Structures are given as C-alpha cells and as structure tokens.
Amino acid sequence: MAQIVEKLEGIYPEAVCALEYGGEPWKLLVMARLSAQCTDARVNIVCRDLFAKFPTLDALANAPLKEIEDIVRPCGLFRTKAKSIKEACIAVRDVHGGIVPDNMEDLLKLSGVGRKIANLLLGDIYGKPAIVADTHCIRICGRFGMYDTSLKDPHKVEKILSEIVEPEKQSDLCHRIVQFGRDTCMARSPKCDVCPLSDLCPYTKEK
C-alpha cells in the first residue's frame, strides 16, 4: 500500500477536497450531507446559491425549511437532506457553540451524519487520521487488492484501510483516490492501458 500512496502523491501533489467549502467547517458539513447520491460538482453549484442566501451557520439554522428544500432540490432527496441540514446546523450552534465537533462520537449525533461524513470532517478540518470510505475508495482499493472486490461495507473498508495506511496520510489519500477514480479508474471502462499504477494493480493483471 505504501507504494500506491507514494505514487498517488506524485500524481496529485495537492490533495484537495472536491467540495468547495472555502475552509469553513459548517459549510463542509452541509455540503457533505448534500453529496449523498449526488455528484460533488452539482453540490458545488447548488451551494453557491444556498450560501449566498444563507451565508452563516446561524442564518441556515434559522432558515425556513421550505426555502432550503427549494434550493437543494437538484441534489435529490431534498426534503430529507434539507431537514437534516437545518437540524445539524441548529445542533452545532446551540449544543456545540457554533463549532463543528472534533470527535466521532459527537459528530455521529448530528442529524444526517454517518461515519463517512464524520471522517471527512475529522480529516479535512482537524487533520486527524480518517478514512472516507466512499464509492471511489471502496471500488479502487478493492481493485488494488486491499480486500475482496465484493466487499461493499464502508465500515469494514474503513477499518481495513485504517490499519494499512499511515495515520498522517489517510485523509489526503482519500482525496487523491477520488481524483484518480475520476481521471483513470472509473467504475466502468477504467483506463487500465494508460494507468500509472498498473504495475501495482492486480485488477489490471487479471484483465
């Protein structure tokens, strides 16, 4: 795994979060919730309008639910997402003094937050070891032979990878894998013939 991590660092020197949250933790919380079953690109577009209308945590916490729904509708599951976003913003404001929690236990108590979102926040905001087991991560690390490709359980994948990836490299690796998945290792028709990691990939050798 260390060789794969090193090569990805060379290909993507800057590990950048695909969600354009401008360094504000509460915005990343909101955007991560909207990204469920929705592309990051669409979330970025939708949130330009959302944050223009509700530019602060307090403003979004106080926003009429219907107005949030109307804006986030393009992200799908808009009623459920709008409700959990408003509830999470209220909790961050009223329970945590306006600061997004820095630990898994408190993050998981926020409406709509599961381990994937919690790990994203812990890694990006607080620089803590964190594996974001999203679809890119699960698919690509399976192809790399870290576990059987039939394994689709995010929590199990998170546990496996957290044990084989150096703690200080975990969060950045996940961002690099997302980019690698978009550029080269797609779910369908991966570009194995031009893949810079093909020499380290069992999936390529099996094709």
N, C-alpha and C. Protein backbone atom coordinates (compact mmCIF):
# COMPACT_ATOMS: atom_id res chain seq x y z
N MET A 1 0.83 -1.21 0.00
CA MET A 1 0.00 0.00 0.00
C MET A 1 0.86 1.26 0.00
N ALA A 2 2.02 1.19 0.65
CA ALA A 2 2.90 2.35 0.73
C ALA A 2 3.32 2.83 -0.65
N GLN A 3 3.55 1.89 -1.58
CA GLN A 3 3.95 2.27 -2.94
C GLN A 3 2.81 2.98 -3.67
N ILE A 4 1.61 2.51 -3.45
CA ILE A 4 0.44 3.14 -4.07
C ILE A 4 0.26 4.56 -3.53
N VAL A 5 0.38 4.70 -2.23
CA VAL A 5 0.25 6.02 -1.60
C VAL A 5 1.30 6.97 -2.17
N GLU A 6 2.53 6.48 -2.29
CA GLU A 6 3.63 7.32 -2.79
C GLU A 6 3.39 7.74 -4.24
N LYS A 7 2.94 6.82 -5.07
CA LYS A 7 2.69 7.15 -6.47
C LYS A 7 1.55 8.16 -6.62
N LEU A 8 0.51 7.97 -5.84
CA LEU A 8 -0.61 8.92 -5.90
C LEU A 8 -0.18 10.31 -5.42
N GLU A 9 0.72 10.36 -4.47
CA GLU A 9 1.25 11.65 -4.01
C GLU A 9 2.00 12.34 -5.14
N GLY A 10 2.70 11.55 -5.96
CA GLY A 10 3.43 12.12 -7.08
C GLY A 10 2.50 12.61 -8.18
N ILE A 11 1.42 11.86 -8.41
CA ILE A 11 0.46 12.24 -9.46
C ILE A 11 -0.36 13.45 -9.04
N TYR A 12 -0.76 13.46 -7.77
CA TYR A 12 -1.59 14.55 -7.23
C TYR A 12 -0.90 15.17 -6.01
N PRO A 13 0.07 16.04 -6.25
CA PRO A 13 0.84 16.63 -5.12
C PRO A 13 -0.05 17.33 -4.10
N GLU A 14 -1.11 17.97 -4.59
CA GLU A 14 -2.02 18.65 -3.68
C GLU A 14 -3.29 17.82 -3.52
N ALA A 15 -3.54 17.38 -2.30
CA ALA A 15 -4.75 16.60 -2.02
C ALA A 15 -5.87 17.58 -1.68
N VAL A 16 -6.74 17.81 -2.65
CA VAL A 16 -7.77 18.83 -2.49
C VAL A 16 -9.15 18.19 -2.37
N CYS A 17 -9.92 18.64 -1.41
CA CYS A 17 -11.29 18.18 -1.26
C CYS A 17 -12.11 18.66 -2.46
N ALA A 18 -12.89 17.75 -3.03
CA ALA A 18 -13.69 18.09 -4.22
C ALA A 18 -14.84 19.04 -3.89
N LEU A 19 -15.21 19.11 -2.62
CA LEU A 19 -16.28 20.02 -2.20
C LEU A 19 -15.67 21.39 -1.88
N GLU A 20 -16.15 22.42 -2.54
CA GLU A 20 -15.57 23.75 -2.43
C GLU A 20 -16.21 24.51 -1.26
N TYR A 21 -15.71 24.22 -0.07
CA TYR A 21 -16.35 24.78 1.13
C TYR A 21 -15.64 26.01 1.69
N GLY A 22 -14.58 26.44 1.05
CA GLY A 22 -13.93 27.68 1.43
C GLY A 22 -13.31 27.70 2.81
N GLY A 23 -13.00 26.53 3.34
CA GLY A 23 -12.34 26.47 4.64
C GLY A 23 -13.24 26.66 5.84
N GLU A 24 -14.55 26.73 5.61
CA GLU A 24 -15.48 26.91 6.73
C GLU A 24 -16.10 25.56 7.11
N PRO A 25 -15.80 25.05 8.30
CA PRO A 25 -16.24 23.71 8.70
C PRO A 25 -17.73 23.44 8.55
N TRP A 26 -18.57 24.39 8.93
CA TRP A 26 -20.02 24.16 8.87
C TRP A 26 -20.48 23.98 7.42
N LYS A 27 -19.81 24.67 6.50
CA LYS A 27 -20.16 24.52 5.08
C LYS A 27 -19.79 23.13 4.58
N LEU A 28 -18.67 22.60 5.03
CA LEU A 28 -18.30 21.24 4.62
C LEU A 28 -19.30 20.24 5.17
N LEU A 29 -19.77 20.45 6.37
CA LEU A 29 -20.80 19.60 6.95
C LEU A 29 -22.05 19.59 6.07
N VAL A 30 -22.49 20.75 5.67
CA VAL A 30 -23.68 20.88 4.83
C VAL A 30 -23.46 20.22 3.47
N MET A 31 -22.34 20.50 2.86
CA MET A 31 -22.06 20.00 1.51
C MET A 31 -21.89 18.49 1.50
N ALA A 32 -21.27 17.97 2.54
CA ALA A 32 -21.09 16.52 2.63
C ALA A 32 -22.44 15.82 2.73
N ARG A 33 -23.36 16.42 3.47
CA ARG A 33 -24.71 15.84 3.56
C ARG A 33 -25.40 15.86 2.21
N LEU A 34 -25.24 16.92 1.46
CA LEU A 34 -25.88 17.03 0.15
C LEU A 34 -25.26 16.08 -0.87
N SER A 35 -24.03 15.66 -0.64
CA SER A 35 -23.32 14.86 -1.64
C SER A 35 -23.79 13.41 -1.70
N ALA A 36 -24.60 12.98 -0.73
CA ALA A 36 -25.12 11.61 -0.76
C ALA A 36 -25.92 11.39 -2.03
N GLN A 37 -25.52 10.40 -2.82
CA GLN A 37 -26.19 10.07 -4.09
C GLN A 37 -26.28 11.28 -5.01
N CYS A 38 -25.28 12.12 -4.96
CA CYS A 38 -25.22 13.29 -5.82
C CYS A 38 -23.75 13.60 -6.10
N THR A 39 -23.46 14.14 -7.27
CA THR A 39 -22.07 14.44 -7.61
C THR A 39 -21.57 15.67 -6.84
N ASP A 40 -20.27 15.66 -6.57
CA ASP A 40 -19.67 16.82 -5.90
C ASP A 40 -19.82 18.07 -6.75
N ALA A 41 -19.73 17.91 -8.06
CA ALA A 41 -19.85 19.07 -8.96
C ALA A 41 -21.21 19.73 -8.81
N ARG A 42 -22.26 18.94 -8.73
CA ARG A 42 -23.59 19.51 -8.57
C ARG A 42 -23.74 20.17 -7.19
N VAL A 43 -23.19 19.53 -6.17
CA VAL A 43 -23.26 20.11 -4.82
C VAL A 43 -22.58 21.48 -4.81
N ASN A 44 -21.42 21.58 -5.46
CA ASN A 44 -20.71 22.86 -5.50
C ASN A 44 -21.58 23.95 -6.14
N ILE A 45 -22.27 23.60 -7.21
CA ILE A 45 -23.12 24.57 -7.91
C ILE A 45 -24.30 24.98 -7.03
N VAL A 46 -24.98 23.99 -6.46
CA VAL A 46 -26.15 24.26 -5.63
C VAL A 46 -25.79 25.10 -4.42
N CYS A 47 -24.64 24.82 -3.83
CA CYS A 47 -24.27 25.51 -2.59
C CYS A 47 -23.84 26.95 -2.82
N ARG A 48 -23.52 27.30 -4.04
CA ARG A 48 -23.26 28.72 -4.31
C ARG A 48 -24.52 29.54 -4.02
N ASP A 49 -25.65 29.00 -4.44
CA ASP A 49 -26.92 29.69 -4.18
C ASP A 49 -27.32 29.58 -2.71
N LEU A 50 -27.11 28.38 -2.14
CA LEU A 50 -27.50 28.16 -0.74
C LEU A 50 -26.75 29.10 0.20
N PHE A 51 -25.43 29.18 0.01
CA PHE A 51 -24.63 30.01 0.91
C PHE A 51 -24.73 31.50 0.60
N ALA A 52 -25.14 31.81 -0.63
CA ALA A 52 -25.37 33.22 -0.95
C ALA A 52 -26.60 33.72 -0.19
N LYS A 53 -27.61 32.86 -0.10
CA LYS A 53 -28.85 33.25 0.58
C LYS A 53 -28.72 33.13 2.10
N PHE A 54 -27.98 32.09 2.55
CA PHE A 54 -27.79 31.86 3.99
C PHE A 54 -26.29 31.78 4.26
N PRO A 55 -25.62 32.91 4.40
CA PRO A 55 -24.15 32.95 4.45
C PRO A 55 -23.49 32.55 5.77
N THR A 56 -24.29 32.33 6.81
CA THR A 56 -23.72 31.96 8.10
C THR A 56 -24.42 30.73 8.66
N LEU A 57 -23.77 30.10 9.60
CA LEU A 57 -24.37 28.95 10.28
C LEU A 57 -25.71 29.34 10.89
N ASP A 58 -25.74 30.47 11.55
CA ASP A 58 -26.97 30.92 12.21
C ASP A 58 -28.08 31.19 11.19
N ALA A 59 -27.72 31.76 10.06
CA ALA A 59 -28.71 32.05 9.03
C ALA A 59 -29.33 30.78 8.49
N LEU A 60 -28.52 29.76 8.29
CA LEU A 60 -29.04 28.50 7.77
C LEU A 60 -29.85 27.76 8.83
N ALA A 61 -29.41 27.86 10.07
CA ALA A 61 -30.16 27.23 11.17
C ALA A 61 -31.55 27.85 11.30
N ASN A 62 -31.64 29.15 11.03
CA ASN A 62 -32.92 29.86 11.17
C ASN A 62 -33.75 29.86 9.88
N ALA A 63 -33.19 29.35 8.81
CA ALA A 63 -33.86 29.42 7.51
C ALA A 63 -35.15 28.60 7.49
N PRO A 64 -36.18 29.08 6.81
CA PRO A 64 -37.39 28.29 6.64
C PRO A 64 -37.07 27.01 5.89
N LEU A 65 -37.56 25.90 6.38
CA LEU A 65 -37.25 24.61 5.78
C LEU A 65 -37.60 24.57 4.30
N LYS A 66 -38.73 25.16 3.95
CA LYS A 66 -39.18 25.15 2.55
C LYS A 66 -38.18 25.86 1.64
N GLU A 67 -37.57 26.91 2.12
CA GLU A 67 -36.60 27.64 1.30
C GLU A 67 -35.34 26.80 1.09
N ILE A 68 -34.93 26.08 2.13
CA ILE A 68 -33.77 25.20 1.97
C ILE A 68 -34.10 24.10 0.97
N GLU A 69 -35.27 23.53 1.09
CA GLU A 69 -35.71 22.46 0.18
C GLU A 69 -35.68 22.93 -1.27
N ASP A 70 -36.19 24.11 -1.50
CA ASP A 70 -36.26 24.63 -2.87
C ASP A 70 -34.87 24.76 -3.49
N ILE A 71 -33.90 25.18 -2.69
CA ILE A 71 -32.55 25.38 -3.22
C ILE A 71 -31.82 24.06 -3.44
N VAL A 72 -31.97 23.12 -2.50
CA VAL A 72 -31.19 21.87 -2.60
C VAL A 72 -31.90 20.79 -3.41
N ARG A 73 -33.05 21.08 -3.95
CA ARG A 73 -33.82 20.11 -4.73
C ARG A 73 -32.98 19.40 -5.80
N PRO A 74 -32.10 20.10 -6.54
CA PRO A 74 -31.32 19.43 -7.59
C PRO A 74 -30.38 18.33 -7.06
N CYS A 75 -30.13 18.31 -5.76
CA CYS A 75 -29.24 17.30 -5.19
C CYS A 75 -29.95 15.98 -4.88
N GLY A 76 -31.27 15.95 -5.09
CA GLY A 76 -32.02 14.74 -4.80
C GLY A 76 -32.30 14.57 -3.31
N LEU A 77 -33.32 13.75 -3.00
CA LEU A 77 -33.69 13.51 -1.60
C LEU A 77 -33.77 14.83 -0.83
N PHE A 78 -34.30 15.85 -1.49
CA PHE A 78 -34.15 17.21 -0.98
C PHE A 78 -34.87 17.46 0.34
N ARG A 79 -36.00 16.80 0.56
CA ARG A 79 -36.70 17.03 1.83
C ARG A 79 -35.91 16.46 3.01
N THR A 80 -35.44 15.25 2.84
CA THR A 80 -34.65 14.61 3.91
C THR A 80 -33.36 15.38 4.15
N LYS A 81 -32.69 15.77 3.09
CA LYS A 81 -31.41 16.48 3.22
C LYS A 81 -31.61 17.86 3.84
N ALA A 82 -32.64 18.56 3.40
CA ALA A 82 -32.90 19.90 3.95
C ALA A 82 -33.19 19.82 5.45
N LYS A 83 -33.99 18.85 5.84
CA LYS A 83 -34.35 18.69 7.25
C LYS A 83 -33.11 18.39 8.11
N SER A 84 -32.28 17.48 7.65
CA SER A 84 -31.10 17.12 8.44
C SER A 84 -30.07 18.24 8.46
N ILE A 85 -29.96 18.99 7.36
CA ILE A 85 -29.04 20.13 7.33
C ILE A 85 -29.47 21.18 8.35
N LYS A 86 -30.73 21.51 8.36
CA LYS A 86 -31.23 22.51 9.32
C LYS A 86 -31.03 22.03 10.76
N GLU A 87 -31.37 20.77 11.01
CA GLU A 87 -31.22 20.22 12.37
C GLU A 87 -29.76 20.17 12.79
N ALA A 88 -28.87 19.81 11.87
CA ALA A 88 -27.44 19.74 12.21
C ALA A 88 -26.89 21.13 12.50
N CYS A 89 -27.31 22.12 11.72
CA CYS A 89 -26.85 23.49 11.95
C CYS A 89 -27.33 24.01 13.30
N ILE A 90 -28.57 23.69 13.65
CA ILE A 90 -29.10 24.10 14.95
C ILE A 90 -28.29 23.47 16.08
N ALA A 91 -27.98 22.17 15.92
CA ALA A 91 -27.21 21.46 16.96
C ALA A 91 -25.80 22.02 17.10
N VAL A 92 -25.15 22.29 15.97
CA VAL A 92 -23.80 22.85 16.03
C VAL A 92 -23.83 24.22 16.73
N ARG A 93 -24.83 25.00 16.42
CA ARG A 93 -24.96 26.32 17.04
C ARG A 93 -25.32 26.25 18.52
N ASP A 94 -26.35 25.48 18.83
CA ASP A 94 -26.91 25.51 20.18
C ASP A 94 -26.23 24.56 21.16
N VAL A 95 -25.75 23.43 20.66
CA VAL A 95 -25.13 22.43 21.54
C VAL A 95 -23.62 22.58 21.59
N HIS A 96 -23.03 22.97 20.45
CA HIS A 96 -21.56 22.98 20.36
C HIS A 96 -20.98 24.39 20.20
N GLY A 97 -21.78 25.39 20.51
CA GLY A 97 -21.28 26.76 20.49
C GLY A 97 -20.82 27.25 19.13
N GLY A 98 -21.41 26.71 18.07
CA GLY A 98 -21.07 27.16 16.73
C GLY A 98 -19.85 26.49 16.14
N ILE A 99 -19.29 25.53 16.85
CA ILE A 99 -18.08 24.85 16.38
C ILE A 99 -18.41 23.40 16.02
N VAL A 100 -18.07 23.00 14.81
CA VAL A 100 -18.29 21.62 14.39
C VAL A 100 -17.46 20.71 15.29
N PRO A 101 -18.06 19.68 15.88
CA PRO A 101 -17.33 18.79 16.80
C PRO A 101 -16.07 18.19 16.19
N ASP A 102 -15.11 17.90 17.06
CA ASP A 102 -13.83 17.35 16.60
C ASP A 102 -13.65 15.89 16.98
N ASN A 103 -14.77 15.20 17.25
CA ASN A 103 -14.67 13.78 17.63
C ASN A 103 -15.83 13.00 17.02
N MET A 104 -15.58 11.74 16.77
CA MET A 104 -16.54 10.88 16.10
C MET A 104 -17.85 10.78 16.87
N GLU A 105 -17.79 10.64 18.16
CA GLU A 105 -18.99 10.45 18.98
C GLU A 105 -19.98 11.60 18.81
N ASP A 106 -19.50 12.82 18.92
CA ASP A 106 -20.39 13.97 18.81
C ASP A 106 -20.84 14.20 17.37
N LEU A 107 -19.97 13.94 16.42
CA LEU A 107 -20.35 14.12 15.03
C LEU A 107 -21.49 13.19 14.63
N LEU A 108 -21.42 11.95 15.11
CA LEU A 108 -22.45 10.98 14.75
C LEU A 108 -23.81 11.29 15.37
N LYS A 109 -23.83 12.20 16.33
CA LYS A 109 -25.10 12.61 16.93
C LYS A 109 -25.79 13.69 16.10
N LEU A 110 -25.07 14.28 15.16
CA LEU A 110 -25.67 15.31 14.31
C LEU A 110 -26.58 14.67 13.27
N SER A 111 -27.68 15.30 13.00
CA SER A 111 -28.65 14.78 12.04
C SER A 111 -28.01 14.57 10.66
N GLY A 112 -28.20 13.38 10.12
CA GLY A 112 -27.71 13.08 8.77
C GLY A 112 -26.25 12.75 8.66
N VAL A 113 -25.55 12.69 9.79
CA VAL A 113 -24.11 12.43 9.75
C VAL A 113 -23.81 10.97 10.08
N GLY A 114 -23.15 10.29 9.14
CA GLY A 114 -22.67 8.94 9.36
C GLY A 114 -21.16 8.96 9.41
N ARG A 115 -20.55 7.80 9.40
CA ARG A 115 -19.10 7.72 9.55
C ARG A 115 -18.36 8.36 8.37
N LYS A 116 -18.92 8.25 7.18
CA LYS A 116 -18.23 8.83 6.02
C LYS A 116 -18.10 10.35 6.16
N ILE A 117 -19.21 11.01 6.49
CA ILE A 117 -19.17 12.45 6.68
C ILE A 117 -18.30 12.82 7.88
N ALA A 118 -18.45 12.07 8.96
CA ALA A 118 -17.66 12.35 10.17
C ALA A 118 -16.17 12.25 9.88
N ASN A 119 -15.76 11.22 9.15
CA ASN A 119 -14.34 11.08 8.82
C ASN A 119 -13.85 12.19 7.91
N LEU A 120 -14.69 12.61 6.98
CA LEU A 120 -14.31 13.73 6.11
C LEU A 120 -14.03 14.98 6.95
N LEU A 121 -14.91 15.24 7.90
CA LEU A 121 -14.74 16.42 8.75
C LEU A 121 -13.52 16.29 9.65
N LEU A 122 -13.32 15.13 10.23
CA LEU A 122 -12.18 14.92 11.12
C LEU A 122 -10.86 15.07 10.37
N GLY A 123 -10.82 14.54 9.15
CA GLY A 123 -9.59 14.62 8.37
C GLY A 123 -9.33 16.00 7.81
N ASP A 124 -10.35 16.59 7.17
CA ASP A 124 -10.16 17.87 6.50
C ASP A 124 -10.07 19.04 7.45
N ILE A 125 -10.91 19.05 8.46
CA ILE A 125 -10.98 20.20 9.36
C ILE A 125 -9.95 20.10 10.48
N TYR A 126 -9.81 18.90 11.03
CA TYR A 126 -8.96 18.77 12.21
C TYR A 126 -7.66 18.00 11.98
N GLY A 127 -7.42 17.56 10.75
CA GLY A 127 -6.17 16.89 10.42
C GLY A 127 -5.96 15.58 11.15
N LYS A 128 -7.05 14.93 11.51
CA LYS A 128 -6.95 13.67 12.23
C LYS A 128 -6.94 12.49 11.26
N PRO A 129 -6.38 11.34 11.68
CA PRO A 129 -6.44 10.15 10.82
C PRO A 129 -7.88 9.82 10.50
N ALA A 130 -8.19 9.63 9.22
CA ALA A 130 -9.58 9.41 8.85
C ALA A 130 -9.67 8.80 7.46
N ILE A 131 -10.34 7.69 7.35
CA ILE A 131 -10.61 7.06 6.06
C ILE A 131 -12.04 7.35 5.64
N VAL A 132 -12.20 8.05 4.52
CA VAL A 132 -13.53 8.33 3.99
C VAL A 132 -13.86 7.23 2.99
N ALA A 133 -14.62 6.24 3.46
CA ALA A 133 -14.91 5.07 2.63
C ALA A 133 -16.10 5.34 1.71
N ASP A 134 -15.87 6.18 0.70
CA ASP A 134 -16.92 6.46 -0.28
C ASP A 134 -16.83 5.44 -1.42
N THR A 135 -17.65 5.63 -2.44
CA THR A 135 -17.70 4.64 -3.52
C THR A 135 -16.37 4.53 -4.26
N HIS A 136 -15.69 5.66 -4.48
CA HIS A 136 -14.40 5.62 -5.15
C HIS A 136 -13.40 4.80 -4.34
N CYS A 137 -13.33 5.10 -3.05
CA CYS A 137 -12.39 4.42 -2.16
C CYS A 137 -12.66 2.92 -2.11
N ILE A 138 -13.91 2.55 -1.94
CA ILE A 138 -14.27 1.13 -1.84
C ILE A 138 -13.91 0.39 -3.13
N ARG A 139 -14.27 0.98 -4.27
CA ARG A 139 -14.01 0.33 -5.56
C ARG A 139 -12.52 0.22 -5.85
N ILE A 140 -11.80 1.32 -5.74
CA ILE A 140 -10.41 1.36 -6.17
C ILE A 140 -9.50 0.58 -5.26
N CYS A 141 -9.67 0.70 -3.95
CA CYS A 141 -8.81 -0.05 -3.04
C CYS A 141 -9.10 -1.55 -3.12
N GLY A 142 -10.33 -1.90 -3.50
CA GLY A 142 -10.64 -3.30 -3.76
C GLY A 142 -9.89 -3.80 -4.98
N ARG A 143 -9.85 -2.99 -6.02
CA ARG A 143 -9.10 -3.35 -7.22
C ARG A 143 -7.61 -3.46 -6.94
N PHE A 144 -7.14 -2.64 -6.01
CA PHE A 144 -5.73 -2.70 -5.64
C PHE A 144 -5.39 -3.93 -4.80
N GLY A 145 -6.41 -4.69 -4.43
CA GLY A 145 -6.19 -5.92 -3.68
C GLY A 145 -6.15 -5.77 -2.18
N MET A 146 -6.67 -4.66 -1.67
CA MET A 146 -6.67 -4.46 -0.22
C MET A 146 -7.70 -5.35 0.47
N TYR A 147 -8.69 -5.79 -0.29
CA TYR A 147 -9.73 -6.69 0.19
C TYR A 147 -10.45 -7.21 -1.04
N ASP A 148 -11.32 -8.18 -0.85
CA ASP A 148 -12.06 -8.74 -1.98
C ASP A 148 -12.96 -7.65 -2.59
N THR A 149 -12.99 -7.60 -3.90
CA THR A 149 -13.78 -6.56 -4.57
C THR A 149 -15.27 -6.67 -4.30
N SER A 150 -15.70 -7.81 -3.78
CA SER A 150 -17.13 -7.97 -3.46
C SER A 150 -17.49 -7.25 -2.15
N LEU A 151 -16.50 -6.84 -1.38
CA LEU A 151 -16.76 -6.16 -0.11
C LEU A 151 -17.27 -4.74 -0.39
N LYS A 152 -18.47 -4.45 0.06
CA LYS A 152 -19.06 -3.14 -0.17
C LYS A 152 -19.40 -2.42 1.13
N ASP A 153 -19.04 -3.01 2.25
CA ASP A 153 -19.38 -2.45 3.56
C ASP A 153 -18.41 -1.32 3.91
N PRO A 154 -18.87 -0.06 3.92
CA PRO A 154 -17.97 1.07 4.18
C PRO A 154 -17.23 0.98 5.51
N HIS A 155 -17.91 0.52 6.56
CA HIS A 155 -17.27 0.45 7.88
C HIS A 155 -16.14 -0.57 7.88
N LYS A 156 -16.36 -1.71 7.24
CA LYS A 156 -15.30 -2.73 7.16
C LYS A 156 -14.12 -2.24 6.34
N VAL A 157 -14.44 -1.55 5.23
CA VAL A 157 -13.37 -0.99 4.40
C VAL A 157 -12.58 0.04 5.19
N GLU A 158 -13.27 0.90 5.91
CA GLU A 158 -12.62 1.90 6.74
C GLU A 158 -11.65 1.25 7.73
N LYS A 159 -12.10 0.19 8.37
CA LYS A 159 -11.27 -0.50 9.37
C LYS A 159 -10.04 -1.12 8.73
N ILE A 160 -10.22 -1.77 7.59
CA ILE A 160 -9.09 -2.41 6.90
C ILE A 160 -8.05 -1.37 6.49
N LEU A 161 -8.50 -0.31 5.85
CA LEU A 161 -7.57 0.70 5.35
C LEU A 161 -6.90 1.48 6.48
N SER A 162 -7.62 1.70 7.56
CA SER A 162 -7.03 2.44 8.68
C SER A 162 -5.87 1.68 9.31
N GLU A 163 -5.85 0.37 9.09
CA GLU A 163 -4.77 -0.46 9.65
C GLU A 163 -3.57 -0.59 8.72
N ILE A 164 -3.73 -0.25 7.44
CA ILE A 164 -2.62 -0.43 6.50
C ILE A 164 -2.11 0.88 5.88
N VAL A 165 -2.82 1.97 6.14
CA VAL A 165 -2.37 3.28 5.65
C VAL A 165 -1.88 4.10 6.84
N GLU A 166 -0.72 4.71 6.69
CA GLU A 166 -0.17 5.51 7.79
C GLU A 166 -1.17 6.59 8.20
N PRO A 167 -1.37 6.77 9.50
CA PRO A 167 -2.39 7.70 10.00
C PRO A 167 -2.32 9.09 9.38
N GLU A 168 -1.11 9.64 9.26
CA GLU A 168 -0.97 11.01 8.76
C GLU A 168 -1.24 11.13 7.26
N LYS A 169 -1.37 10.00 6.57
CA LYS A 169 -1.60 10.02 5.13
C LYS A 169 -3.03 9.65 4.75
N GLN A 170 -3.82 9.25 5.70
CA GLN A 170 -5.15 8.69 5.40
C GLN A 170 -6.08 9.69 4.73
N SER A 171 -6.24 10.85 5.30
CA SER A 171 -7.20 11.81 4.76
C SER A 171 -6.83 12.26 3.35
N ASP A 172 -5.56 12.60 3.16
CA ASP A 172 -5.12 13.05 1.84
C ASP A 172 -5.23 11.93 0.80
N LEU A 173 -4.95 10.71 1.22
CA LEU A 173 -5.07 9.58 0.29
C LEU A 173 -6.49 9.48 -0.25
N CYS A 174 -7.46 9.66 0.61
CA CYS A 174 -8.86 9.55 0.18
C CYS A 174 -9.20 10.61 -0.87
N HIS A 175 -8.70 11.82 -0.70
CA HIS A 175 -8.93 12.86 -1.71
C HIS A 175 -8.25 12.50 -3.03
N ARG A 176 -7.05 11.95 -2.93
CA ARG A 176 -6.33 11.57 -4.15
C ARG A 176 -7.03 10.42 -4.87
N ILE A 177 -7.59 9.51 -4.12
CA ILE A 177 -8.30 8.38 -4.72
C ILE A 177 -9.54 8.86 -5.46
N VAL A 178 -10.23 9.83 -4.92
CA VAL A 178 -11.40 10.39 -5.60
C VAL A 178 -10.99 10.94 -6.97
N GLN A 179 -9.91 11.71 -6.98
CA GLN A 179 -9.45 12.28 -8.25
C GLN A 179 -8.98 11.20 -9.21
N PHE A 180 -8.27 10.22 -8.69
CA PHE A 180 -7.79 9.11 -9.51
C PHE A 180 -8.96 8.33 -10.10
N GLY A 181 -10.01 8.18 -9.31
CA GLY A 181 -11.20 7.47 -9.78
C GLY A 181 -11.90 8.21 -10.90
N ARG A 182 -11.84 9.52 -10.87
CA ARG A 182 -12.47 10.32 -11.92
C ARG A 182 -11.61 10.38 -13.18
N ASP A 183 -10.30 10.42 -12.99
CA ASP A 183 -9.39 10.57 -14.12
C ASP A 183 -9.09 9.26 -14.83
N THR A 184 -8.95 8.18 -14.06
CA THR A 184 -8.41 6.94 -14.62
C THR A 184 -9.20 5.70 -14.25
N CYS A 185 -9.44 5.49 -12.97
CA CYS A 185 -10.02 4.22 -12.51
C CYS A 185 -11.53 4.33 -12.32
N MET A 186 -12.23 4.54 -13.43
CA MET A 186 -13.68 4.68 -13.37
C MET A 186 -14.34 3.34 -13.04
N ALA A 187 -15.59 3.42 -12.61
CA ALA A 187 -16.32 2.19 -12.30
C ALA A 187 -16.49 1.35 -13.56
N ARG A 188 -16.86 2.02 -14.64
CA ARG A 188 -16.99 1.34 -15.92
C ARG A 188 -15.88 1.81 -16.85
N SER A 189 -15.32 0.89 -17.57
CA SER A 189 -14.26 1.19 -18.54
C SER A 189 -13.09 1.96 -17.94
N PRO A 190 -12.46 1.40 -16.89
CA PRO A 190 -11.26 2.05 -16.35
C PRO A 190 -10.15 2.06 -17.40
N LYS A 191 -9.32 3.09 -17.35
CA LYS A 191 -8.26 3.25 -18.35
C LYS A 191 -7.00 2.47 -17.95
N CYS A 192 -7.13 1.16 -17.86
CA CYS A 192 -6.03 0.34 -17.38
C CYS A 192 -4.80 0.40 -18.30
N ASP A 193 -5.05 0.61 -19.59
CA ASP A 193 -3.94 0.62 -20.54
C ASP A 193 -3.01 1.83 -20.37
N VAL A 194 -3.52 2.90 -19.75
CA VAL A 194 -2.68 4.08 -19.54
C VAL A 194 -2.54 4.41 -18.05
N CYS A 195 -2.93 3.49 -17.21
CA CYS A 195 -2.91 3.74 -15.76
C CYS A 195 -1.49 3.79 -15.23
N PRO A 196 -1.11 4.85 -14.52
CA PRO A 196 0.24 4.96 -13.98
C PRO A 196 0.50 4.01 -12.80
N LEU A 197 -0.55 3.34 -12.34
CA LEU A 197 -0.41 2.40 -11.22
C LEU A 197 -0.63 0.96 -11.66
N SER A 198 -0.67 0.73 -12.94
CA SER A 198 -0.99 -0.60 -13.45
C SER A 198 -0.02 -1.68 -12.95
N ASP A 199 1.24 -1.30 -12.75
CA ASP A 199 2.24 -2.28 -12.29
C ASP A 199 1.99 -2.74 -10.86
N LEU A 200 1.16 -1.99 -10.12
CA LEU A 200 0.88 -2.33 -8.73
C LEU A 200 -0.54 -2.87 -8.55
N CYS A 201 -1.27 -3.04 -9.66
CA CYS A 201 -2.69 -3.35 -9.57
C CYS A 201 -3.03 -4.75 -10.04
N PRO A 202 -3.49 -5.62 -9.15
CA PRO A 202 -3.92 -6.98 -9.52
C PRO A 202 -5.07 -6.97 -10.51
N TYR A 203 -5.94 -5.98 -10.42
CA TYR A 203 -7.11 -5.89 -11.31
C TYR A 203 -6.65 -5.77 -12.76
N THR A 204 -5.63 -4.94 -12.99
CA THR A 204 -5.11 -4.76 -14.35
C THR A 204 -4.53 -6.07 -14.89
N LYS A 205 -3.82 -6.78 -14.04
CA LYS A 205 -3.17 -8.02 -14.47
C LYS A 205 -4.17 -9.13 -14.76
N GLU A 206 -5.34 -9.04 -14.14
CA GLU A 206 -6.36 -10.06 -14.35
C GLU A 206 -7.15 -9.83 -15.63
N LYS A 207 -7.09 -8.63 -16.17
CA LYS A 207 -7.90 -8.32 -17.36
C LYS A 207 -7.33 -8.98 -18.62
